[in-house]
Amino acid sequence: METQAKPSIWEGVTPYHVLVLIIASCGWLFDCMDQRIFVLGRESALKELLTGQGGDVTHELKPYIGWATMWMIFGWATGGIIFGSLSDKIGRV
């Protein structure tokens, strides 16, 4: 009785496949970094924008934070749909 060795998970993976994986991972990393920077900076940015009228605006920030987040997510989704379909049409040979 002869046993067959299990094929390696890396069998058939070329350096080009590894390069594509690295590039896609960097794209995902920078896309998520953009969102994280927005989340970290939105409260202080909105405080600075809203204190032009003077006074304490801390209690008024919550609705503005929600609106800013909503527009960021809307732009993120819209950009994904538009540029995703555009790159799908242009990128296919």
C-alpha atoms as a PDB file:
ATOM      1  CA  MET A   1       0.000   0.000   0.000  1.00  0.00           C
ATOM      2  CA  GLU A   2       1.447   3.285  -1.126  1.00  0.00           C
ATOM      3  CA  THR A   3       0.604   6.559   0.601  1.00  0.00           C
ATOM      4  CA  GLN A   4       0.587   9.806  -1.281  1.00  0.00           C
ATOM      5  CA  ALA A   5       2.084  12.900   0.241  1.00  0.00           C
ATOM      6  CA  LYS A   6      -0.284  15.808   0.704  1.00  0.00           C
ATOM      7  CA  PRO A   7       0.432  18.627  -1.715  1.00  0.00           C
ATOM      8  CA  SER A   8       2.003  21.688  -0.145  1.00  0.00           C
ATOM      9  CA  ILE A   9      -0.112  24.800   0.252  1.00  0.00           C
ATOM     10  CA  TRP A  10       2.601  26.700  -1.629  1.00  0.00           C
ATOM     11  CA  GLU A  11       2.624  24.333  -4.591  1.00  0.00           C
ATOM     12  CA  GLY A  12       2.009  26.306  -7.764  1.00  0.00           C
ATOM     13  CA  VAL A  13       2.518  29.713  -6.121  1.00  0.00           C
ATOM     14  CA  THR A  14       4.862  31.849  -8.189  1.00  0.00           C
ATOM     15  CA  PRO A  15       6.730  35.016  -7.176  1.00  0.00           C
ATOM     16  CA  TYR A  16       4.135  36.952  -9.190  1.00  0.00           C
ATOM     17  CA  HIS A  17       1.363  35.595  -6.945  1.00  0.00           C
ATOM     18  CA  VAL A  18       3.315  36.712  -3.877  1.00  0.00           C
ATOM     19  CA  LEU A  19       3.816  40.189  -5.404  1.00  0.00           C
ATOM     20  CA  VAL A  20       0.083  40.528  -6.111  1.00  0.00           C
ATOM     21  CA  LEU A  21      -0.707  39.475  -2.537  1.00  0.00           C
ATOM     22  CA  ILE A  22       1.729  42.048  -1.133  1.00  0.00           C
ATOM     23  CA  ILE A  23       0.327  44.851  -3.311  1.00  0.00           C
ATOM     24  CA  ALA A  24      -3.275  43.983  -2.416  1.00  0.00           C
ATOM     25  CA  SER A  25      -2.365  43.838   1.279  1.00  0.00           C
ATOM     26  CA  CYS A  26      -0.743  47.273   1.089  1.00  0.00           C
ATOM     27  CA  GLY A  27      -3.874  48.666  -0.593  1.00  0.00           C
ATOM     28  CA  TRP A  28      -6.049  47.275   2.175  1.00  0.00           C
ATOM     29  CA  LEU A  29      -3.650  48.544   4.843  1.00  0.00           C
ATOM     30  CA  PHE A  30      -3.663  52.114   3.518  1.00  0.00           C
ATOM     31  CA  ASP A  31      -7.426  52.072   2.979  1.00  0.00           C
ATOM     32  CA  CYS A  32      -7.994  51.105   6.615  1.00  0.00           C
ATOM     33  CA  MET A  33      -5.348  53.572   7.777  1.00  0.00           C
ATOM     34  CA  ASP A  34      -7.294  56.376   6.072  1.00  0.00           C
ATOM     35  CA  GLN A  35     -10.426  55.439   8.008  1.00  0.00           C
ATOM     36  CA  ARG A  36      -8.530  55.188  11.289  1.00  0.00           C
ATOM     37  CA  ILE A  37      -6.966  58.633  10.840  1.00  0.00           C
ATOM     38  CA  PHE A  38     -10.461  60.049  10.210  1.00  0.00           C
ATOM     39  CA  VAL A  39     -11.838  58.436  13.377  1.00  0.00           C
ATOM     40  CA  LEU A  40      -8.917  59.719  15.461  1.00  0.00           C
ATOM     41  CA  GLY A  41      -9.080  63.282  14.130  1.00  0.00           C
ATOM     42  CA  ARG A  42     -12.770  63.987  13.609  1.00  0.00           C
ATOM     43  CA  GLU A  43     -13.634  65.139  17.142  1.00  0.00           C
ATOM     44  CA  SER A  44     -10.768  67.605  17.491  1.00  0.00           C
ATOM     45  CA  ALA A  45     -11.303  68.874  13.937  1.00  0.00           C
ATOM     46  CA  LEU A  46     -15.012  69.451  14.543  1.00  0.00           C
ATOM     47  CA  LYS A  47     -14.292  71.193  17.864  1.00  0.00           C
ATOM     48  CA  GLU A  48     -11.912  73.531  16.083  1.00  0.00           C
ATOM     49  CA  LEU A  49     -14.407  74.217  13.298  1.00  0.00           C
ATOM     50  CA  LEU A  50     -17.338  74.829  15.643  1.00  0.00           C
ATOM     51  CA  THR A  51     -15.562  77.012  18.216  1.00  0.00           C
ATOM     52  CA  GLY A  52     -15.424  79.866  15.727  1.00  0.00           C
ATOM     53  CA  GLN A  53     -18.686  81.058  17.312  1.00  0.00           C
ATOM     54  CA  GLY A  54     -17.134  80.878  20.788  1.00  0.00           C
ATOM     55  CA  GLY A  55     -18.201  78.953  23.852  1.00  0.00           C
ATOM     56  CA  ASP A  56     -18.183  75.281  24.741  1.00  0.00           C
ATOM     57  CA  VAL A  57     -19.447  73.050  21.930  1.00  0.00           C
ATOM     58  CA  THR A  58     -18.778  69.668  23.522  1.00  0.00           C
ATOM     59  CA  HIS A  59     -22.487  68.936  24.014  1.00  0.00           C
ATOM     60  CA  GLU A  60     -23.229  69.843  20.371  1.00  0.00           C
ATOM     61  CA  LEU A  61     -20.563  67.599  18.835  1.00  0.00           C
ATOM     62  CA  LYS A  62     -22.411  64.282  18.790  1.00  0.00           C
ATOM     63  CA  PRO A  63     -24.753  65.060  15.844  1.00  0.00           C
ATOM     64  CA  TYR A  64     -21.893  66.566  13.831  1.00  0.00           C
ATOM     65  CA  ILE A  65     -19.682  63.546  14.485  1.00  0.00           C
ATOM     66  CA  GLY A  66     -22.514  61.323  13.247  1.00  0.00           C
ATOM     67  CA  TRP A  67     -22.981  63.400  10.099  1.00  0.00           C
ATOM     68  CA  ALA A  68     -19.246  63.467   9.363  1.00  0.00           C
ATOM     69  CA  THR A  69     -19.034  59.699   9.790  1.00  0.00           C
ATOM     70  CA  MET A  70     -22.088  59.172   7.586  1.00  0.00           C
ATOM     71  CA  TRP A  71     -20.579  61.243   4.767  1.00  0.00           C
ATOM     72  CA  MET A  72     -17.220  59.477   5.103  1.00  0.00           C
ATOM     73  CA  ILE A  73     -18.881  56.067   4.794  1.00  0.00           C
ATOM     74  CA  PHE A  74     -21.053  57.299   1.897  1.00  0.00           C
ATOM     75  CA  GLY A  75     -17.977  58.587   0.057  1.00  0.00           C
ATOM     76  CA  TRP A  76     -16.103  55.384   0.809  1.00  0.00           C
ATOM     77  CA  ALA A  77     -18.914  53.240  -0.626  1.00  0.00           C
ATOM     78  CA  THR A  78     -19.516  55.497  -3.624  1.00  0.00           C
ATOM     79  CA  GLY A  79     -15.814  55.576  -4.466  1.00  0.00           C
ATOM     80  CA  GLY A  80     -15.645  51.805  -4.164  1.00  0.00           C
ATOM     81  CA  ILE A  81     -18.570  51.325  -6.534  1.00  0.00           C
ATOM     82  CA  ILE A  82     -17.454  53.906  -9.109  1.00  0.00           C
ATOM     83  CA  PHE A  83     -13.745  53.117  -9.151  1.00  0.00           C
ATOM     84  CA  GLY A  84     -14.353  49.394  -8.696  1.00  0.00           C
ATOM     85  CA  SER A  85     -16.528  49.179 -11.794  1.00  0.00           C
ATOM     86  CA  LEU A  86     -14.206  51.529 -13.692  1.00  0.00           C
ATOM     87  CA  SER A  87     -11.138  49.439 -12.874  1.00  0.00           C
ATOM     88  CA  ASP A  88     -13.092  46.296 -13.709  1.00  0.00           C
ATOM     89  CA  LYS A  89     -13.824  47.630 -17.212  1.00  0.00           C
ATOM     90  CA  ILE A  90     -10.392  49.126 -17.859  1.00  0.00           C
ATOM     91  CA  GLY A  91      -8.399  46.417 -16.090  1.00  0.00           C
ATOM     92  CA  ARG A  92      -9.819  43.482 -18.010  1.00  0.00           C
ATOM     93  CA  VAL A  93      -8.029  42.595 -21.204  1.00  0.00           C
END
